[in-house]
Structure formats: C-alpha cells, structure tokens
C-alpha cells in the first residue's frame, strides 16, 4: 500500500476554535454533575473524572497550541532559508549560462591559432557545462527538500476492524494531532450529553 501524501496536515489556527466548545462542554459537565448529584453519590465519580480530564486538557491546550505555532514558525523559517538558497542558485545558473553562451558566441567568430588553444576552448566549454549540471542538481535537491518541508506522509494500517494512522513526524506534531482528535471527541460528547439530557 502506497503512503498517501497530505499537505498542510495541521492547521494550528483550527485548534483555537475548539477551546470555546471545551468551555461550553465544562458548563455542560457542571449541569450533568448537578443532575447526577440528584441521582446519588455513586454516579458522581465518573463525572468528576471526566471533569478533571477536561480541565487538565483545557489547561494544556494553549501550551500545545503555542508549541505547534513555534514549530510552524520554525518550519516557515527553514522554508524561507531554502527559498533564498534556491534563488541564489538560480541566479548563479542564469549567470553561468549567459557567460558560457557569450564566450561561445565570441569564440565562434575567431579561428583557433593552435591546437592548444582549441583544446583550452573545449575544456572551458566542458567545465562550464559541468558547473551548469552541478547547479541544476543542487536546484533539484533544494526543491525536493522544500517539498518535504511542505508535506507530511501519512500511512494507514488495517488490522481487524481497526485502522491505525502513523505520522512519521516529531512528537510535538503527534501531540497536536491527538489534541485535535480529543477536542473533536469532546465536542461530540457535549452534543451527546445535551441530546441525552
């Protein structure tokens, strides 16, 4: 199975919109707690555990968002650096090509006096072609690096009835994905509690 390429896997601004539903969810948990207290003390323990989990998540979410924003800025700085390098290489390539073309044009009109001069001209043309090839290879390598900075590879594995998703990225990005999944799960739970009550 080929891994799928997903661009812009994480939109960190999207995490901020989940903080307000978390606040509303906490209010819903408070209402649920009041109803559970009416039912009895044994039903209060799961609600308290859920409330503690949501409060902890609410405290940690801004820190995780800040870490994600810092990671995003770091990636953008890397991309800008590679883009500047790419522009420099392209300018060098254009300069070298125009120089080589100008030298060929000037040398076409003058006959070679000796075989040594003819050999020198041929070597000069070969060296220019080699430098052009190296610059083109460097440009392609930088383009590949930049493409890797823009994308995240995601592969899925199915076992039984469950599907697992693997993100080959660092742990902070993984934490942000988990936070996003938890927030969406909490929004769904809030809806379920409201429809149940």
Protein backbone atom coordinates (compact mmCIF):
# COMPACT_ATOMS: atom_id res chain seq x y z
CA UNK A 1 0.00 0.00 0.00
CA UNK A 2 1.44 3.36 -1.05
CA UNK A 3 1.61 6.03 1.69
CA UNK A 4 -0.65 8.98 0.99
CA UNK A 5 0.83 12.46 0.92
CA UNK A 6 -1.17 15.01 2.86
CA UNK A 7 -0.30 18.68 2.56
CA UNK A 8 -0.95 21.12 5.37
CA UNK A 9 -1.84 18.29 7.74
CA UNK A 10 -2.04 20.61 10.72
CA UNK A 11 -3.75 23.96 10.69
CA UNK A 12 -2.87 25.18 14.15
CA UNK A 13 -5.34 28.03 13.99
CA UNK A 14 -8.05 25.38 13.80
CA UNK A 15 -7.17 24.20 17.30
CA UNK A 16 -8.11 27.56 18.79
CA UNK A 17 -11.70 27.22 17.68
CA UNK A 18 -12.03 24.11 19.87
CA UNK A 19 -11.28 25.98 23.09
CA UNK A 20 -14.72 27.64 23.18
CA UNK A 21 -16.59 24.33 22.77
CA UNK A 22 -14.42 22.96 25.58
CA UNK A 23 -15.60 25.79 27.82
CA UNK A 24 -19.21 25.09 26.91
CA UNK A 25 -18.55 21.41 27.48
CA UNK A 26 -17.33 22.18 31.00
CA UNK A 27 -20.55 24.05 31.66
CA UNK A 28 -22.47 21.03 30.38
CA UNK A 29 -20.47 18.80 32.71
CA UNK A 30 -21.41 21.08 35.62
CA UNK A 31 -25.09 20.72 34.70
CA UNK A 32 -24.64 16.97 34.37
CA UNK A 33 -22.92 16.88 37.76
CA UNK A 34 -25.90 18.61 39.36
CA UNK A 35 -28.25 16.05 37.81
CA UNK A 36 -26.02 13.18 38.94
CA UNK A 37 -25.93 14.56 42.48
CA UNK A 38 -29.69 14.32 42.45
CA UNK A 39 -29.36 10.64 41.48
CA UNK A 40 -26.77 9.74 44.11
CA UNK A 41 -23.09 9.76 45.06
CA UNK A 42 -22.09 6.60 43.15
CA UNK A 43 -22.82 8.20 39.78
CA UNK A 44 -20.69 11.27 40.59
CA UNK A 45 -17.26 9.57 40.34
CA UNK A 46 -17.20 9.13 36.52
CA UNK A 47 -18.42 12.69 36.01
CA UNK A 48 -15.72 14.03 38.35
CA UNK A 49 -13.04 12.08 36.48
CA UNK A 50 -14.35 13.41 33.17
CA UNK A 51 -14.44 16.96 34.51
CA UNK A 52 -10.87 16.69 35.82
CA UNK A 53 -9.69 15.36 32.47
CA UNK A 54 -11.39 18.18 30.57
CA UNK A 55 -9.97 20.84 32.92
CA UNK A 56 -6.48 19.41 32.52
CA UNK A 57 -6.94 19.34 28.76
CA UNK A 58 -8.19 22.91 28.84
CA UNK A 59 -5.08 23.99 30.79
CA UNK A 60 -2.68 22.14 28.49
CA UNK A 61 -4.32 23.03 25.17
CA UNK A 62 -2.91 26.59 24.94
CA UNK A 63 0.60 25.30 25.72
CA UNK A 64 0.29 22.68 23.00
CA UNK A 65 -1.04 25.28 20.56
CA UNK A 66 1.91 27.56 21.40
CA UNK A 67 4.33 24.68 20.81
CA UNK A 68 2.62 23.99 17.49
CA UNK A 69 2.83 27.65 16.47
CA UNK A 70 6.54 27.67 17.33
CA UNK A 71 7.05 24.51 15.27
CA UNK A 72 5.18 26.08 12.37
CA UNK A 73 7.34 29.23 12.57
CA UNK A 74 10.47 27.08 12.64
CA UNK A 75 9.33 25.23 9.51
CA UNK A 76 8.49 28.53 7.80
CA UNK A 77 11.97 29.86 8.64
CA UNK A 78 13.52 26.70 7.16
CA UNK A 79 11.40 27.09 4.04
CA UNK A 80 12.42 30.76 3.68
CA UNK A 81 16.10 29.86 4.07
CA UNK A 82 15.82 27.14 1.41
CA UNK A 83 13.90 29.53 -0.85
CA UNK A 84 16.70 32.12 -0.58
CA UNK A 85 19.30 29.45 -1.34
CA UNK A 86 17.23 28.37 -4.33
CA UNK A 87 17.00 31.93 -5.65
CA UNK A 88 20.78 32.35 -5.28
CA UNK A 89 21.43 29.10 -7.15
CA UNK A 90 19.04 30.10 -9.93
CA UNK A 91 20.82 33.45 -10.31
CA UNK A 92 24.21 31.69 -10.42
CA UNK A 93 22.87 29.28 -13.03
CA UNK A 94 21.49 32.08 -15.20
CA UNK A 95 24.77 34.00 -14.93
CA UNK A 96 26.84 30.94 -15.81
CA UNK A 97 24.64 30.05 -18.78
CA UNK A 98 24.75 33.58 -20.17
CA UNK A 99 28.53 33.73 -19.64
CA UNK A 100 29.04 30.41 -21.42
CA UNK A 101 26.78 31.46 -24.28
CA UNK A 102 28.62 34.80 -24.64
CA UNK A 103 32.03 33.05 -24.68
CA UNK A 104 30.84 30.56 -27.31
CA UNK A 105 29.45 33.37 -29.41
CA UNK A 106 32.72 35.34 -29.18
CA UNK A 107 34.86 32.28 -29.90
CA UNK A 108 32.79 31.19 -32.91
CA UNK A 109 33.99 34.16 -34.91
CA UNK A 110 37.70 33.70 -34.19
CA UNK A 111 39.62 30.74 -35.60
CA UNK A 112 41.88 28.80 -33.26
CA UNK A 113 45.54 29.53 -33.86
CA UNK A 114 46.96 26.37 -32.32
CA UNK A 115 45.71 23.00 -31.18
CA UNK A 116 46.49 24.00 -27.59
CA UNK A 117 44.14 26.97 -27.89
CA UNK A 118 41.46 24.72 -29.40
CA UNK A 119 41.92 22.24 -26.53
CA UNK A 120 41.70 25.07 -23.97
CA UNK A 121 38.43 26.31 -25.52
CA UNK A 122 36.96 22.80 -25.47
CA UNK A 123 37.96 22.28 -21.81
CA UNK A 124 36.47 25.65 -20.90
CA UNK A 125 33.16 24.67 -22.52
CA UNK A 126 33.18 21.28 -20.73
CA UNK A 127 33.90 22.94 -17.36
CA UNK A 128 31.05 25.39 -17.90
CA UNK A 129 28.70 22.53 -18.80
CA UNK A 130 29.81 20.61 -15.68
CA UNK A 131 29.19 23.65 -13.44
CA UNK A 132 25.76 24.12 -15.04
CA UNK A 133 24.94 20.45 -14.37
CA UNK A 134 26.05 20.72 -10.71
CA UNK A 135 23.96 23.86 -10.20
CA UNK A 136 20.92 22.20 -11.78
CA UNK A 137 21.37 19.17 -9.50
CA UNK A 138 21.63 21.45 -6.46
CA UNK A 139 18.44 23.23 -7.52
CA UNK A 140 16.56 19.94 -7.88
CA UNK A 141 17.84 18.77 -4.48
CA UNK A 142 16.66 22.00 -2.83
CA UNK A 143 13.27 21.67 -4.50
CA UNK A 144 12.94 18.13 -3.10
CA UNK A 145 13.89 19.34 0.38
CA UNK A 146 11.33 22.15 0.18
CA UNK A 147 8.65 19.72 -0.97
CA UNK A 148 9.45 17.56 2.06
CA UNK A 149 9.06 20.57 4.35
CA UNK A 150 5.62 21.31 2.90
CA UNK A 151 4.22 17.77 3.19
CA UNK A 152 3.71 15.08 5.82
CA UNK A 153 3.47 11.42 4.87
CA UNK A 154 0.56 9.51 6.37
CA UNK A 155 0.19 5.75 6.10
CA UNK A 156 -2.68 3.65 7.38
CA UNK A 157 -2.63 0.04 8.53
CA UNK A 158 -5.79 -2.00 8.97
CA UNK A 159 -5.89 -4.86 11.44
CA UNK A 160 -9.21 -6.47 12.19
CA UNK A 161 -11.85 -3.78 12.36
CA UNK A 162 -9.49 -1.01 13.49
CA UNK A 163 -7.47 1.42 11.42
CA UNK A 164 -4.28 2.94 12.79
CA UNK A 165 -2.72 6.09 11.37
CA UNK A 166 1.03 6.61 11.66
CA UNK A 167 2.57 10.08 11.37
CA UNK A 168 6.33 9.91 10.81
CA UNK A 169 6.86 13.35 12.36
CA UNK A 170 8.17 14.55 15.71
CA UNK A 171 6.30 14.04 18.98
CA UNK A 172 5.02 17.63 19.26
CA UNK A 173 3.15 17.35 15.98
CA UNK A 174 1.83 13.97 17.12
CA UNK A 175 0.61 15.56 20.37
CA UNK A 176 -1.19 18.27 18.42
CA UNK A 177 -2.95 15.66 16.29
CA UNK A 178 -4.02 13.85 19.45
CA UNK A 179 -5.26 17.14 20.92
CA UNK A 180 -7.29 17.81 17.80
CA UNK A 181 -8.84 14.34 17.99
CA UNK A 182 -9.60 14.77 21.71
CA UNK A 183 -11.21 18.15 21.12
CA UNK A 184 -13.45 16.78 18.38
CA UNK A 185 -14.30 13.84 20.65
CA UNK A 186 -15.24 16.26 23.44
CA UNK A 187 -17.45 18.29 21.12
CA UNK A 188 -19.22 15.08 20.13
CA UNK A 189 -19.59 14.12 23.81
CA UNK A 190 -21.05 17.54 24.55
CA UNK A 191 -23.63 17.04 21.82
CA UNK A 192 -24.43 13.56 23.16
CA UNK A 193 -24.88 14.87 26.72
CA UNK A 194 -27.17 17.66 25.52
CA UNK A 195 -29.28 15.29 23.45
CA UNK A 196 -29.42 12.78 26.34
CA UNK A 197 -30.42 15.34 28.97
